[in-house]
Amino acid sequence: MPTPILQAERTLTELDFARLSSLAGRQLPSELEALLDSADVTASRAVPANVVTMYSRVELVDVHTRRRQVLTLCYPADAAPAAGFISVLSPVGSGLIGLKLGQVARWSTPTGEEGAAEIVDILFQPEASGDYLT
């Protein structure tokens, strides 16, 4: 079983917190369970624009390879990895949710491989565009 990777303090909107908590009937990654227990929860209208929320589109730079990629964080039903839509239940998705621009997301794959990528841009955040219900 992979060892959870400790993260910096993270922020979730009330809506993201409620929806992620409702996924509790599923087998949640241990990192996501720990996040739900420790996250700073705030109103959607009060979340800073530099925080990765659900359906945020982010640009990442892998800290090892320097490869850039753009990903959209989504719920499992909307996941399409080949199109850049990654589930919040995936190791990368669990590593991203609630982090701020400039922070490094860290994750461990089911095979034990560790990954890390810096959030270099938040190209879209629903709350910053006035969408508080996504």
Protein backbone atom coordinates (compact mmCIF):
# COMPACT_ATOMS: atom_id res chain seq x y z
CA MET A 1 0.00 0.00 0.00
CA PRO A 2 1.48 3.38 -0.99
CA THR A 3 2.51 5.72 1.78
CA PRO A 4 0.46 8.93 1.82
CA ILE A 5 2.47 11.96 0.73
CA LEU A 6 2.04 14.93 3.04
CA GLN A 7 0.80 18.12 1.41
CA ALA A 8 0.71 21.75 2.32
CA GLU A 9 -2.49 23.13 3.83
CA ARG A 10 -5.28 23.00 1.28
CA THR A 11 -8.54 24.85 0.73
CA LEU A 12 -11.84 23.37 -0.46
CA THR A 13 -15.04 25.21 -1.27
CA GLU A 14 -18.09 24.17 0.75
CA LEU A 15 -19.63 22.69 -2.41
CA ASP A 16 -16.49 20.73 -3.34
CA PHE A 17 -16.22 19.48 0.25
CA ALA A 18 -19.86 18.33 0.27
CA ARG A 19 -19.61 16.60 -3.11
CA LEU A 20 -16.31 14.91 -2.31
CA SER A 21 -17.69 13.79 1.04
CA SER A 22 -20.69 12.26 -0.76
CA LEU A 23 -18.25 10.05 -2.68
CA ALA A 24 -17.49 8.39 0.65
CA GLY A 25 -19.48 5.32 -0.43
CA ARG A 26 -16.64 4.67 -2.86
CA GLN A 27 -13.16 3.58 -1.98
CA LEU A 28 -11.54 7.00 -1.58
CA PRO A 29 -7.76 7.37 -1.87
CA SER A 30 -6.21 7.74 1.58
CA GLU A 31 -4.82 11.16 0.56
CA LEU A 32 -8.32 12.39 -0.26
CA GLU A 33 -9.76 11.05 2.99
CA ALA A 34 -7.01 12.86 4.92
CA LEU A 35 -7.72 16.04 2.94
CA LEU A 36 -11.43 15.93 3.83
CA ASP A 37 -10.43 15.67 7.50
CA SER A 38 -7.98 18.56 7.45
CA ALA A 39 -8.86 21.03 4.66
CA ASP A 40 -9.73 24.65 5.23
CA VAL A 41 -13.34 24.84 3.97
CA THR A 42 -14.59 28.18 2.64
CA ALA A 43 -17.60 29.58 0.82
CA SER A 44 -17.42 29.33 -2.98
CA ARG A 45 -17.72 33.10 -3.29
CA ALA A 46 -14.78 33.58 -0.91
CA VAL A 47 -12.29 31.11 -2.39
CA PRO A 48 -9.22 32.87 -3.80
CA ALA A 49 -8.75 32.63 -7.59
CA ASN A 50 -5.33 31.01 -7.06
CA VAL A 51 -6.78 27.81 -5.53
CA VAL A 52 -7.40 24.64 -7.55
CA THR A 53 -11.10 23.77 -7.22
CA MET A 54 -13.18 21.17 -9.02
CA TYR A 55 -13.28 21.82 -12.78
CA SER A 56 -10.27 24.12 -12.59
CA ARG A 57 -8.04 23.94 -15.66
CA VAL A 58 -4.40 24.08 -14.61
CA GLU A 59 -1.01 24.13 -16.28
CA LEU A 60 1.58 21.93 -14.60
CA VAL A 61 5.32 21.46 -15.00
CA ASP A 62 6.71 18.10 -13.95
CA VAL A 63 9.51 18.79 -11.45
CA HIS A 64 11.67 15.96 -12.81
CA THR A 65 11.18 16.09 -16.59
CA ARG A 66 10.09 19.76 -16.94
CA ARG A 67 7.29 18.51 -19.22
CA ARG A 68 4.30 20.90 -19.33
CA GLN A 69 0.72 19.76 -19.48
CA VAL A 70 -2.74 21.21 -19.04
CA LEU A 71 -5.30 19.26 -17.01
CA THR A 72 -8.87 19.83 -15.89
CA LEU A 73 -9.79 18.39 -12.49
CA CYS A 74 -13.16 16.62 -12.59
CA TYR A 75 -15.38 14.03 -10.92
CA PRO A 76 -14.97 10.38 -11.94
CA ALA A 77 -17.96 10.35 -14.34
CA ASP A 78 -16.39 13.15 -16.41
CA ALA A 79 -12.85 11.75 -16.51
CA ALA A 80 -11.25 11.47 -19.94
CA PRO A 81 -7.49 11.31 -19.34
CA ALA A 82 -6.59 11.38 -23.05
CA ALA A 83 -8.47 14.70 -23.32
CA GLY A 84 -6.84 16.12 -20.17
CA PHE A 85 -9.80 15.56 -17.80
CA ILE A 86 -8.49 13.81 -14.70
CA SER A 87 -10.58 12.42 -11.87
CA VAL A 88 -10.18 13.82 -8.40
CA LEU A 89 -9.98 10.17 -7.30
CA SER A 90 -6.81 9.61 -9.36
CA PRO A 91 -3.43 10.06 -7.66
CA VAL A 92 -2.75 13.26 -9.64
CA GLY A 93 -6.27 14.61 -9.02
CA SER A 94 -6.07 13.97 -5.27
CA GLY A 95 -2.67 15.65 -5.30
CA LEU A 96 -4.00 18.80 -6.99
CA ILE A 97 -7.30 19.60 -5.30
CA GLY A 98 -7.09 22.53 -2.90
CA LEU A 99 -3.51 23.58 -3.70
CA LYS A 100 -2.55 27.11 -4.69
CA LEU A 101 -0.79 28.49 -7.73
CA GLY A 102 2.97 27.97 -7.33
CA GLN A 103 2.66 24.97 -5.03
CA VAL A 104 3.91 21.52 -5.96
CA ALA A 105 1.38 18.70 -6.20
CA ARG A 106 2.80 15.35 -5.07
CA TRP A 107 1.33 11.91 -5.56
CA SER A 108 2.15 8.26 -5.45
CA THR A 109 0.88 5.86 -8.12
CA PRO A 110 -0.59 2.44 -7.26
CA THR A 111 2.76 0.93 -8.32
CA GLY A 112 4.60 3.13 -5.81
CA GLU A 113 6.11 5.57 -8.31
CA GLU A 114 6.22 9.12 -6.97
CA GLY A 115 5.30 12.12 -9.08
CA ALA A 116 5.43 15.86 -8.55
CA ALA A 117 4.43 18.87 -10.62
CA GLU A 118 4.36 22.59 -9.96
CA ILE A 119 1.13 24.47 -10.62
CA VAL A 120 2.39 27.24 -12.92
CA ASP A 121 -0.96 28.63 -14.03
CA ILE A 122 -4.66 28.34 -13.27
CA LEU A 123 -6.17 28.88 -16.69
CA PHE A 124 -9.75 28.60 -15.46
CA GLN A 125 -11.40 28.35 -12.06
CA PRO A 126 -15.22 28.18 -12.03
CA GLU A 127 -15.58 30.36 -8.94
CA ALA A 128 -13.32 33.09 -10.36
CA SER A 129 -15.62 33.27 -13.39
CA GLY A 130 -18.73 33.58 -11.19
CA ASP A 131 -19.82 29.93 -11.39
CA TYR A 132 -20.48 28.86 -7.83
CA LEU A 133 -22.56 25.75 -8.62
CA THR A 134 -20.25 23.60 -10.77
